């Protein structure tokens, strides 16, 4: 049996077990609640647990549907949870012993958990979980041990700059250190550059967008070709030439380094297009 087949059978087995537990909980809850409310509802007693259980599934489904249509309201999620509380209360209200209360309280929860698990699966498959964006990479534990303070500052910048890729964060950190070195050399001060450097450079540095001098084009011939191509109105091809030149010189072609090099060459390049071109030259 292949791995895919094993996983498929395992999935079917888990789904079957959850469904069986849900049915057991629903049947026991239905029987107990119907008997408890019969003095008040008579022959209509079975409609009470049926309505509550169907209501839990129906309002959970309605929440998914409204989320899919972009009209989700947060308070709607409170309805099935309120019905859950009602179901549990109706199951334990007539019990006088702790064992009976726990037993009758757990059984309806089996049905509720089965419904919630199914809703979670549907929410994930339909992309309604709100986690469509990639998660932020974790920083290695060894780096926290060897350099706790720099790692804390790196993590802080990842959060502030919305950098989710750890390798990209390291590349930006290296560029930031090189840019700070350039500012120190330009102002002649290892500390005073924070006040002597031009305000625009200081702001770009704080935003992590100040490209170090090492990223500026050094070969005039590629720059001339880029300027010529850009003048002809083909900015994408110009950016492609820049990426080729970076790769030939041994530099790492990433979205950020490509954008910095393109900006230095006077080539307008958007984030999406830069990421697309960089991916082709890795």
C-alpha atoms as a PDB file:
ATOM      1  CA  UNK A   1       0.000   0.000   0.000  1.00  0.00           C
ATOM      2  CA  UNK A   2       1.403   3.364  -1.048  1.00  0.00           C
ATOM      3  CA  UNK A   3       1.614   6.341   1.267  1.00  0.00           C
ATOM      4  CA  UNK A   4      -1.224   8.141  -0.521  1.00  0.00           C
ATOM      5  CA  UNK A   5      -3.479   5.102  -0.213  1.00  0.00           C
ATOM      6  CA  UNK A   6      -2.595   4.713   3.470  1.00  0.00           C
ATOM      7  CA  UNK A   7      -3.386   8.364   4.129  1.00  0.00           C
ATOM      8  CA  UNK A   8      -6.686   8.068   2.234  1.00  0.00           C
ATOM      9  CA  UNK A   9      -7.786   5.042   4.249  1.00  0.00           C
ATOM     10  CA  UNK A  10      -6.636   6.669   7.491  1.00  0.00           C
ATOM     11  CA  UNK A  11      -8.634   9.791   6.639  1.00  0.00           C
ATOM     12  CA  UNK A  12     -11.732   7.747   5.871  1.00  0.00           C
ATOM     13  CA  UNK A  13     -11.308   5.873   9.151  1.00  0.00           C
ATOM     14  CA  UNK A  14     -11.006   9.070  11.195  1.00  0.00           C
ATOM     15  CA  UNK A  15     -14.002  10.637   9.447  1.00  0.00           C
ATOM     16  CA  UNK A  16     -16.014   7.472  10.079  1.00  0.00           C
ATOM     17  CA  UNK A  17     -15.149   7.469  13.782  1.00  0.00           C
ATOM     18  CA  UNK A  18     -16.026  11.152  14.175  1.00  0.00           C
ATOM     19  CA  UNK A  19     -19.315  10.622  12.337  1.00  0.00           C
ATOM     20  CA  UNK A  20     -20.155   7.600  14.513  1.00  0.00           C
ATOM     21  CA  UNK A  21     -19.440   9.551  17.707  1.00  0.00           C
ATOM     22  CA  UNK A  22     -21.559  12.423  16.433  1.00  0.00           C
ATOM     23  CA  UNK A  23     -24.478  10.097  15.683  1.00  0.00           C
ATOM     24  CA  UNK A  24     -24.193   8.439  19.122  1.00  0.00           C
ATOM     25  CA  UNK A  25     -24.191  11.830  20.825  1.00  0.00           C
ATOM     26  CA  UNK A  26     -27.101  13.088  18.751  1.00  0.00           C
ATOM     27  CA  UNK A  27     -29.232   9.978  19.349  1.00  0.00           C
ATOM     28  CA  UNK A  28     -28.661   9.978  23.113  1.00  0.00           C
ATOM     29  CA  UNK A  29     -29.224  13.705  23.380  1.00  0.00           C
ATOM     30  CA  UNK A  30     -32.385  13.465  21.263  1.00  0.00           C
ATOM     31  CA  UNK A  31     -33.846  10.665  23.390  1.00  0.00           C
ATOM     32  CA  UNK A  32     -33.038  12.263  26.734  1.00  0.00           C
ATOM     33  CA  UNK A  33     -34.211  15.788  25.838  1.00  0.00           C
ATOM     34  CA  UNK A  34     -37.410  14.507  24.217  1.00  0.00           C
ATOM     35  CA  UNK A  35     -38.256  12.607  27.386  1.00  0.00           C
ATOM     36  CA  UNK A  36     -37.410  15.614  29.581  1.00  0.00           C
ATOM     37  CA  UNK A  37     -39.674  18.058  27.701  1.00  0.00           C
ATOM     38  CA  UNK A  38     -42.577  15.650  27.067  1.00  0.00           C
ATOM     39  CA  UNK A  39     -44.622  16.993  30.045  1.00  0.00           C
ATOM     40  CA  UNK A  40     -44.543  20.460  28.429  1.00  0.00           C
ATOM     41  CA  UNK A  41     -44.740  19.579  24.708  1.00  0.00           C
ATOM     42  CA  UNK A  42     -46.610  16.254  24.658  1.00  0.00           C
ATOM     43  CA  UNK A  43     -46.496  14.603  21.238  1.00  0.00           C
ATOM     44  CA  UNK A  44     -44.366  17.476  19.895  1.00  0.00           C
ATOM     45  CA  UNK A  45     -41.562  16.715  22.350  1.00  0.00           C
ATOM     46  CA  UNK A  46     -39.284  15.143  19.661  1.00  0.00           C
ATOM     47  CA  UNK A  47     -39.280  18.443  17.735  1.00  0.00           C
ATOM     48  CA  UNK A  48     -37.399  20.209  20.563  1.00  0.00           C
ATOM     49  CA  UNK A  49     -34.103  18.239  20.428  1.00  0.00           C
ATOM     50  CA  UNK A  50     -34.488  17.886  16.668  1.00  0.00           C
ATOM     51  CA  UNK A  51     -34.838  21.635  16.238  1.00  0.00           C
ATOM     52  CA  UNK A  52     -31.897  22.396  18.534  1.00  0.00           C
ATOM     53  CA  UNK A  53     -29.550  19.886  16.857  1.00  0.00           C
ATOM     54  CA  UNK A  54     -30.553  20.948  13.350  1.00  0.00           C
ATOM     55  CA  UNK A  55     -30.176  24.582  14.447  1.00  0.00           C
ATOM     56  CA  UNK A  56     -26.562  23.991  15.474  1.00  0.00           C
ATOM     57  CA  UNK A  57     -25.713  22.522  12.070  1.00  0.00           C
ATOM     58  CA  UNK A  58     -27.855  25.047  10.146  1.00  0.00           C
ATOM     59  CA  UNK A  59     -26.437  28.200  11.729  1.00  0.00           C
ATOM     60  CA  UNK A  60     -22.904  26.842  11.455  1.00  0.00           C
ATOM     61  CA  UNK A  61     -23.522  26.282   7.744  1.00  0.00           C
ATOM     62  CA  UNK A  62     -25.111  29.716   7.416  1.00  0.00           C
ATOM     63  CA  UNK A  63     -22.019  31.285   8.953  1.00  0.00           C
ATOM     64  CA  UNK A  64     -19.863  29.512   6.357  1.00  0.00           C
ATOM     65  CA  UNK A  65     -22.165  30.589   3.527  1.00  0.00           C
ATOM     66  CA  UNK A  66     -22.170  34.228   4.585  1.00  0.00           C
ATOM     67  CA  UNK A  67     -18.392  34.182   4.962  1.00  0.00           C
ATOM     68  CA  UNK A  68     -18.125  32.771   1.441  1.00  0.00           C
ATOM     69  CA  UNK A  69     -20.331  35.594   0.121  1.00  0.00           C
ATOM     70  CA  UNK A  70     -18.283  38.222   1.970  1.00  0.00           C
ATOM     71  CA  UNK A  71     -21.163  39.120   4.318  1.00  0.00           C
ATOM     72  CA  UNK A  72     -20.033  37.385   7.502  1.00  0.00           C
ATOM     73  CA  UNK A  73     -21.282  38.784  10.826  1.00  0.00           C
ATOM     74  CA  UNK A  74     -19.374  37.818  13.964  1.00  0.00           C
ATOM     75  CA  UNK A  75     -22.413  37.580  16.203  1.00  0.00           C
ATOM     76  CA  UNK A  76     -23.868  34.760  14.084  1.00  0.00           C
ATOM     77  CA  UNK A  77     -21.245  32.374  15.506  1.00  0.00           C
ATOM     78  CA  UNK A  78     -22.813  32.942  18.941  1.00  0.00           C
ATOM     79  CA  UNK A  79     -26.084  31.314  17.849  1.00  0.00           C
ATOM     80  CA  UNK A  80     -24.800  27.710  17.478  1.00  0.00           C
ATOM     81  CA  UNK A  81     -22.775  28.078  20.668  1.00  0.00           C
ATOM     82  CA  UNK A  82     -25.890  29.293  22.467  1.00  0.00           C
ATOM     83  CA  UNK A  83     -27.766  26.262  21.171  1.00  0.00           C
ATOM     84  CA  UNK A  84     -24.919  24.098  22.429  1.00  0.00           C
ATOM     85  CA  UNK A  85     -25.394  25.544  25.909  1.00  0.00           C
ATOM     86  CA  UNK A  86     -29.140  24.906  25.686  1.00  0.00           C
ATOM     87  CA  UNK A  87     -28.567  21.298  24.602  1.00  0.00           C
ATOM     88  CA  UNK A  88     -26.162  20.605  27.459  1.00  0.00           C
ATOM     89  CA  UNK A  89     -28.490  22.222  29.982  1.00  0.00           C
ATOM     90  CA  UNK A  90     -31.511  20.214  28.808  1.00  0.00           C
ATOM     91  CA  UNK A  91     -29.468  17.026  29.080  1.00  0.00           C
ATOM     92  CA  UNK A  92     -28.195  17.603  32.605  1.00  0.00           C
ATOM     93  CA  UNK A  93     -31.160  19.475  34.117  1.00  0.00           C
ATOM     94  CA  UNK A  94     -33.027  16.352  35.220  1.00  0.00           C
ATOM     95  CA  UNK A  95     -29.981  14.535  36.610  1.00  0.00           C
ATOM     96  CA  UNK A  96     -29.381  14.511  40.352  1.00  0.00           C
ATOM     97  CA  UNK A  97     -26.001  12.754  40.450  1.00  0.00           C
ATOM     98  CA  UNK A  98     -22.632  14.041  39.221  1.00  0.00           C
ATOM     99  CA  UNK A  99     -22.059  10.895  37.161  1.00  0.00           C
ATOM    100  CA  UNK A 100     -25.378  11.339  35.381  1.00  0.00           C
ATOM    101  CA  UNK A 101     -24.713  15.030  34.712  1.00  0.00           C
ATOM    102  CA  UNK A 102     -21.262  14.344  33.260  1.00  0.00           C
ATOM    103  CA  UNK A 103     -22.518  11.458  31.113  1.00  0.00           C
ATOM    104  CA  UNK A 104     -25.469  13.386  29.722  1.00  0.00           C
ATOM    105  CA  UNK A 105     -23.329  16.511  29.264  1.00  0.00           C
ATOM    106  CA  UNK A 106     -20.615  14.730  27.282  1.00  0.00           C
ATOM    107  CA  UNK A 107     -22.945  12.951  24.864  1.00  0.00           C
ATOM    108  CA  UNK A 108     -24.381  16.088  23.196  1.00  0.00           C
ATOM    109  CA  UNK A 109     -20.890  17.551  23.032  1.00  0.00           C
ATOM    110  CA  UNK A 110     -19.879  14.658  20.781  1.00  0.00           C
ATOM    111  CA  UNK A 111     -22.398  15.836  18.193  1.00  0.00           C
ATOM    112  CA  UNK A 112     -21.327  19.465  18.596  1.00  0.00           C
ATOM    113  CA  UNK A 113     -17.628  18.611  18.205  1.00  0.00           C
ATOM    114  CA  UNK A 114     -18.405  16.577  15.064  1.00  0.00           C
ATOM    115  CA  UNK A 115     -20.277  19.547  13.550  1.00  0.00           C
ATOM    116  CA  UNK A 116     -17.503  21.991  14.456  1.00  0.00           C
ATOM    117  CA  UNK A 117     -14.822  19.684  13.036  1.00  0.00           C
ATOM    118  CA  UNK A 118     -16.737  19.405   9.769  1.00  0.00           C
ATOM    119  CA  UNK A 119     -17.222  23.170   9.661  1.00  0.00           C
ATOM    120  CA  UNK A 120     -13.497  23.711  10.227  1.00  0.00           C
ATOM    121  CA  UNK A 121     -12.632  21.386   7.339  1.00  0.00           C
ATOM    122  CA  UNK A 122     -15.058  23.188   5.033  1.00  0.00           C
ATOM    123  CA  UNK A 123     -13.716  26.563   6.188  1.00  0.00           C
ATOM    124  CA  UNK A 124     -10.134  25.550   5.392  1.00  0.00           C
ATOM    125  CA  UNK A 125     -10.972  23.991   2.018  1.00  0.00           C
ATOM    126  CA  UNK A 126     -12.992  27.050   1.003  1.00  0.00           C
ATOM    127  CA  UNK A 127     -10.246  29.439   2.087  1.00  0.00           C
ATOM    128  CA  UNK A 128     -12.436  31.107   4.714  1.00  0.00           C
ATOM    129  CA  UNK A 129     -10.110  30.650   7.673  1.00  0.00           C
ATOM    130  CA  UNK A 130      -8.375  33.994   7.216  1.00  0.00           C
ATOM    131  CA  UNK A 131      -5.002  32.270   6.941  1.00  0.00           C
ATOM    132  CA  UNK A 132      -4.566  32.684   3.220  1.00  0.00           C
ATOM    133  CA  UNK A 133      -1.385  34.673   3.703  1.00  0.00           C
ATOM    134  CA  UNK A 134       1.778  32.680   4.290  1.00  0.00           C
ATOM    135  CA  UNK A 135       2.790  32.285   7.905  1.00  0.00           C
ATOM    136  CA  UNK A 136       5.879  33.948   9.288  1.00  0.00           C
ATOM    137  CA  UNK A 137       8.904  31.647   9.338  1.00  0.00           C
ATOM    138  CA  UNK A 138      10.304  30.653  12.696  1.00  0.00           C
ATOM    139  CA  UNK A 139      13.813  31.752  13.615  1.00  0.00           C
ATOM    140  CA  UNK A 140      16.116  28.882  14.518  1.00  0.00           C
ATOM    141  CA  UNK A 141      16.497  28.240  18.244  1.00  0.00           C
ATOM    142  CA  UNK A 142      20.290  28.101  17.929  1.00  0.00           C
ATOM    143  CA  UNK A 143      20.322  31.700  16.705  1.00  0.00           C
ATOM    144  CA  UNK A 144      18.336  32.795  19.751  1.00  0.00           C
ATOM    145  CA  UNK A 145      20.940  31.088  21.954  1.00  0.00           C
ATOM    146  CA  UNK A 146      24.036  32.427  20.177  1.00  0.00           C
ATOM    147  CA  UNK A 147      22.787  35.995  19.562  1.00  0.00           C
ATOM    148  CA  UNK A 148      19.671  36.690  21.660  1.00  0.00           C
ATOM    149  CA  UNK A 149      19.527  40.491  21.358  1.00  0.00           C
ATOM    150  CA  UNK A 150      20.265  40.732  17.579  1.00  0.00           C
ATOM    151  CA  UNK A 151      17.802  37.905  17.002  1.00  0.00           C
ATOM    152  CA  UNK A 152      15.145  39.728  19.018  1.00  0.00           C
ATOM    153  CA  UNK A 153      15.712  42.860  16.923  1.00  0.00           C
ATOM    154  CA  UNK A 154      15.586  40.778  13.724  1.00  0.00           C
ATOM    155  CA  UNK A 155      12.279  39.229  14.820  1.00  0.00           C
ATOM    156  CA  UNK A 156      10.978  42.710  15.649  1.00  0.00           C
ATOM    157  CA  UNK A 157      11.814  43.946  12.154  1.00  0.00           C
ATOM    158  CA  UNK A 158      10.189  40.878  10.596  1.00  0.00           C
ATOM    159  CA  UNK A 159       6.987  41.780  12.421  1.00  0.00           C
ATOM    160  CA  UNK A 160       7.159  45.518  11.714  1.00  0.00           C
ATOM    161  CA  UNK A 161       8.144  45.132   8.059  1.00  0.00           C
ATOM    162  CA  UNK A 162       5.797  42.150   7.433  1.00  0.00           C
ATOM    163  CA  UNK A 163       8.715  39.996   6.273  1.00  0.00           C
ATOM    164  CA  UNK A 164       7.470  36.415   6.524  1.00  0.00           C
ATOM    165  CA  UNK A 165      10.473  34.678   4.984  1.00  0.00           C
ATOM    166  CA  UNK A 166      13.399  34.076   7.335  1.00  0.00           C
ATOM    167  CA  UNK A 167      16.023  33.967   4.513  1.00  0.00           C
ATOM    168  CA  UNK A 168      14.633  37.223   3.114  1.00  0.00           C
ATOM    169  CA  UNK A 169      14.770  38.781   6.580  1.00  0.00           C
ATOM    170  CA  UNK A 170      18.442  37.778   6.873  1.00  0.00           C
ATOM    171  CA  UNK A 171      19.183  39.280   3.455  1.00  0.00           C
ATOM    172  CA  UNK A 172      17.445  42.518   4.418  1.00  0.00           C
ATOM    173  CA  UNK A 173      19.332  42.580   7.722  1.00  0.00           C
ATOM    174  CA  UNK A 174      22.638  42.250   5.867  1.00  0.00           C
ATOM    175  CA  UNK A 175      21.616  45.072   3.524  1.00  0.00           C
ATOM    176  CA  UNK A 176      20.616  47.174   6.531  1.00  0.00           C
ATOM    177  CA  UNK A 177      24.028  46.715   8.169  1.00  0.00           C
ATOM    178  CA  UNK A 178      25.808  47.591   4.917  1.00  0.00           C
ATOM    179  CA  UNK A 179      23.597  50.663   4.473  1.00  0.00           C
ATOM    180  CA  UNK A 180      24.412  51.788   8.020  1.00  0.00           C
ATOM    181  CA  UNK A 181      28.110  51.353   7.265  1.00  0.00           C
ATOM    182  CA  UNK A 182      27.682  53.550   4.165  1.00  0.00           C
ATOM    183  CA  UNK A 183      25.979  56.256   6.250  1.00  0.00           C
ATOM    184  CA  UNK A 184      28.764  56.115   8.827  1.00  0.00           C
ATOM    185  CA  UNK A 185      31.414  56.449   6.114  1.00  0.00           C
ATOM    186  CA  UNK A 186      29.532  59.305   4.429  1.00  0.00           C
ATOM    187  CA  UNK A 187      29.173  61.304   7.658  1.00  0.00           C
ATOM    188  CA  UNK A 188      32.508  60.295   9.189  1.00  0.00           C
ATOM    189  CA  UNK A 189      30.901  59.285  12.471  1.00  0.00           C
ATOM    190  CA  UNK A 190      29.933  55.912  13.899  1.00  0.00           C
ATOM    191  CA  UNK A 191      27.229  57.463  16.072  1.00  0.00           C
ATOM    192  CA  UNK A 192      26.597  60.963  14.739  1.00  0.00           C
ATOM    193  CA  UNK A 193      25.342  59.662  11.412  1.00  0.00           C
ATOM    194  CA  UNK A 194      21.922  59.354  13.059  1.00  0.00           C
ATOM    195  CA  UNK A 195      21.751  63.160  13.079  1.00  0.00           C
ATOM    196  CA  UNK A 196      24.168  64.135  10.281  1.00  0.00           C
ATOM    197  CA  UNK A 197      22.820  61.877   7.528  1.00  0.00           C
ATOM    198  CA  UNK A 198      20.104  63.310   5.249  1.00  0.00           C
ATOM    199  CA  UNK A 199      16.649  62.875   6.714  1.00  0.00           C
ATOM    200  CA  UNK A 200      15.407  60.916   3.718  1.00  0.00           C
ATOM    201  CA  UNK A 201      18.258  58.406   4.079  1.00  0.00           C
ATOM    202  CA  UNK A 202      17.534  58.049   7.792  1.00  0.00           C
ATOM    203  CA  UNK A 203      13.858  57.365   7.122  1.00  0.00           C
ATOM    204  CA  UNK A 204      14.671  54.858   4.378  1.00  0.00           C
ATOM    205  CA  UNK A 205      17.116  53.182   6.740  1.00  0.00           C
ATOM    206  CA  UNK A 206      14.502  52.855   9.474  1.00  0.00           C
ATOM    207  CA  UNK A 207      12.063  51.397   6.937  1.00  0.00           C
ATOM    208  CA  UNK A 208      14.671  48.934   5.709  1.00  0.00           C
ATOM    209  CA  UNK A 209      14.522  50.387   2.210  1.00  0.00           C
ATOM    210  CA  UNK A 210      17.925  52.061   1.976  1.00  0.00           C
ATOM    211  CA  UNK A 211      19.960  50.043  -0.503  1.00  0.00           C
ATOM    212  CA  UNK A 212      23.652  49.733   0.353  1.00  0.00           C
ATOM    213  CA  UNK A 213      26.250  50.924  -2.106  1.00  0.00           C
ATOM    214  CA  UNK A 214      27.157  47.306  -2.815  1.00  0.00           C
ATOM    215  CA  UNK A 215      23.841  46.942  -4.638  1.00  0.00           C
ATOM    216  CA  UNK A 216      24.476  49.833  -7.015  1.00  0.00           C
ATOM    217  CA  UNK A 217      25.466  48.828 -10.576  1.00  0.00           C
ATOM    218  CA  UNK A 218      29.256  48.858 -10.934  1.00  0.00           C
ATOM    219  CA  UNK A 219      29.591  47.946 -14.616  1.00  0.00           C
ATOM    220  CA  UNK A 220      28.704  50.943 -16.845  1.00  0.00           C
ATOM    221  CA  UNK A 221      27.983  48.758 -19.888  1.00  0.00           C
ATOM    222  CA  UNK A 222      24.947  46.954 -18.399  1.00  0.00           C
ATOM    223  CA  UNK A 223      23.682  50.292 -17.098  1.00  0.00           C
ATOM    224  CA  UNK A 224      23.934  51.778 -20.593  1.00  0.00           C
ATOM    225  CA  UNK A 225      21.969  48.874 -22.040  1.00  0.00           C
ATOM    226  CA  UNK A 226      19.342  49.202 -19.309  1.00  0.00           C
ATOM    227  CA  UNK A 227      18.935  52.925 -19.933  1.00  0.00           C
ATOM    228  CA  UNK A 228      18.613  52.301 -23.670  1.00  0.00           C
ATOM    229  CA  UNK A 229      15.988  49.599 -23.211  1.00  0.00           C
ATOM    230  CA  UNK A 230      14.083  51.685 -20.691  1.00  0.00           C
ATOM    231  CA  UNK A 231      14.036  54.636 -23.078  1.00  0.00           C
ATOM    232  CA  UNK A 232      12.373  52.387 -25.642  1.00  0.00           C
ATOM    233  CA  UNK A 233       9.532  51.747 -23.188  1.00  0.00           C
ATOM    234  CA  UNK A 234      10.332  48.144 -22.248  1.00  0.00           C
ATOM    235  CA  UNK A 235      10.821  48.326 -18.491  1.00  0.00           C
ATOM    236  CA  UNK A 236      10.297  44.592 -17.945  1.00  0.00           C
ATOM    237  CA  UNK A 237      13.106  43.719 -20.353  1.00  0.00           C
ATOM    238  CA  UNK A 238      15.323  46.266 -18.644  1.00  0.00           C
ATOM    239  CA  UNK A 239      14.659  44.648 -15.290  1.00  0.00           C
ATOM    240  CA  UNK A 240      15.441  41.289 -16.870  1.00  0.00           C
ATOM    241  CA  UNK A 241      18.826  42.623 -18.006  1.00  0.00           C
ATOM    242  CA  UNK A 242      19.527  43.852 -14.491  1.00  0.00           C
ATOM    243  CA  UNK A 243      18.724  40.431 -13.057  1.00  0.00           C
ATOM    244  CA  UNK A 244      20.993  38.747 -15.596  1.00  0.00           C
ATOM    245  CA  UNK A 245      23.840  41.099 -14.695  1.00  0.00           C
ATOM    246  CA  UNK A 246      23.318  40.435 -10.964  1.00  0.00           C
ATOM    247  CA  UNK A 247      23.421  36.691 -11.557  1.00  0.00           C
ATOM    248  CA  UNK A 248      26.594  36.925 -13.675  1.00  0.00           C
ATOM    249  CA  UNK A 249      28.346  38.929 -10.969  1.00  0.00           C
ATOM    250  CA  UNK A 250      27.492  36.272  -8.376  1.00  0.00           C
ATOM    251  CA  UNK A 251      24.893  38.343  -6.539  1.00  0.00           C
ATOM    252  CA  UNK A 252      21.738  36.860  -5.062  1.00  0.00           C
ATOM    253  CA  UNK A 253      18.680  37.793  -7.122  1.00  0.00           C
ATOM    254  CA  UNK A 254      15.771  38.448  -4.776  1.00  0.00           C
ATOM    255  CA  UNK A 255      12.755  40.672  -5.103  1.00  0.00           C
ATOM    256  CA  UNK A 256      14.254  43.313  -2.856  1.00  0.00           C
ATOM    257  CA  UNK A 257      17.777  43.338  -4.322  1.00  0.00           C
ATOM    258  CA  UNK A 258      16.321  43.458  -7.836  1.00  0.00           C
ATOM    259  CA  UNK A 259      14.075  46.392  -6.935  1.00  0.00           C
ATOM    260  CA  UNK A 260      16.994  48.234  -5.340  1.00  0.00           C
ATOM    261  CA  UNK A 261      19.212  47.707  -8.388  1.00  0.00           C
ATOM    262  CA  UNK A 262      16.395  48.688 -10.743  1.00  0.00           C
ATOM    263  CA  UNK A 263      15.706  51.856  -8.744  1.00  0.00           C
ATOM    264  CA  UNK A 264      19.387  52.795  -8.904  1.00  0.00           C
ATOM    265  CA  UNK A 265      19.252  52.339 -12.681  1.00  0.00           C
ATOM    266  CA  UNK A 266      16.102  54.447 -13.000  1.00  0.00           C
ATOM    267  CA  UNK A 267      13.868  51.515 -13.947  1.00  0.00           C
ATOM    268  CA  UNK A 268      10.366  51.546 -12.363  1.00  0.00           C
ATOM    269  CA  UNK A 269       9.633  48.055 -11.093  1.00  0.00           C
ATOM    270  CA  UNK A 270       6.616  46.971  -9.039  1.00  0.00           C
ATOM    271  CA  UNK A 271       6.767  44.421  -6.246  1.00  0.00           C
ATOM    272  CA  UNK A 272       4.796  41.720  -8.082  1.00  0.00           C
ATOM    273  CA  UNK A 273       6.809  42.037 -11.285  1.00  0.00           C
ATOM    274  CA  UNK A 274      10.090  42.111  -9.334  1.00  0.00           C
ATOM    275  CA  UNK A 275       9.161  38.882  -7.538  1.00  0.00           C
ATOM    276  CA  UNK A 276       8.232  37.260 -10.863  1.00  0.00           C
ATOM    277  CA  UNK A 277      11.507  38.248 -12.573  1.00  0.00           C
ATOM    278  CA  UNK A 278      13.591  37.291  -9.529  1.00  0.00           C
ATOM    279  CA  UNK A 279      11.981  33.845  -9.460  1.00  0.00           C
ATOM    280  CA  UNK A 280      13.087  33.267 -13.066  1.00  0.00           C
ATOM    281  CA  UNK A 281      16.732  34.026 -12.291  1.00  0.00           C
ATOM    282  CA  UNK A 282      17.240  32.075  -9.081  1.00  0.00           C
END
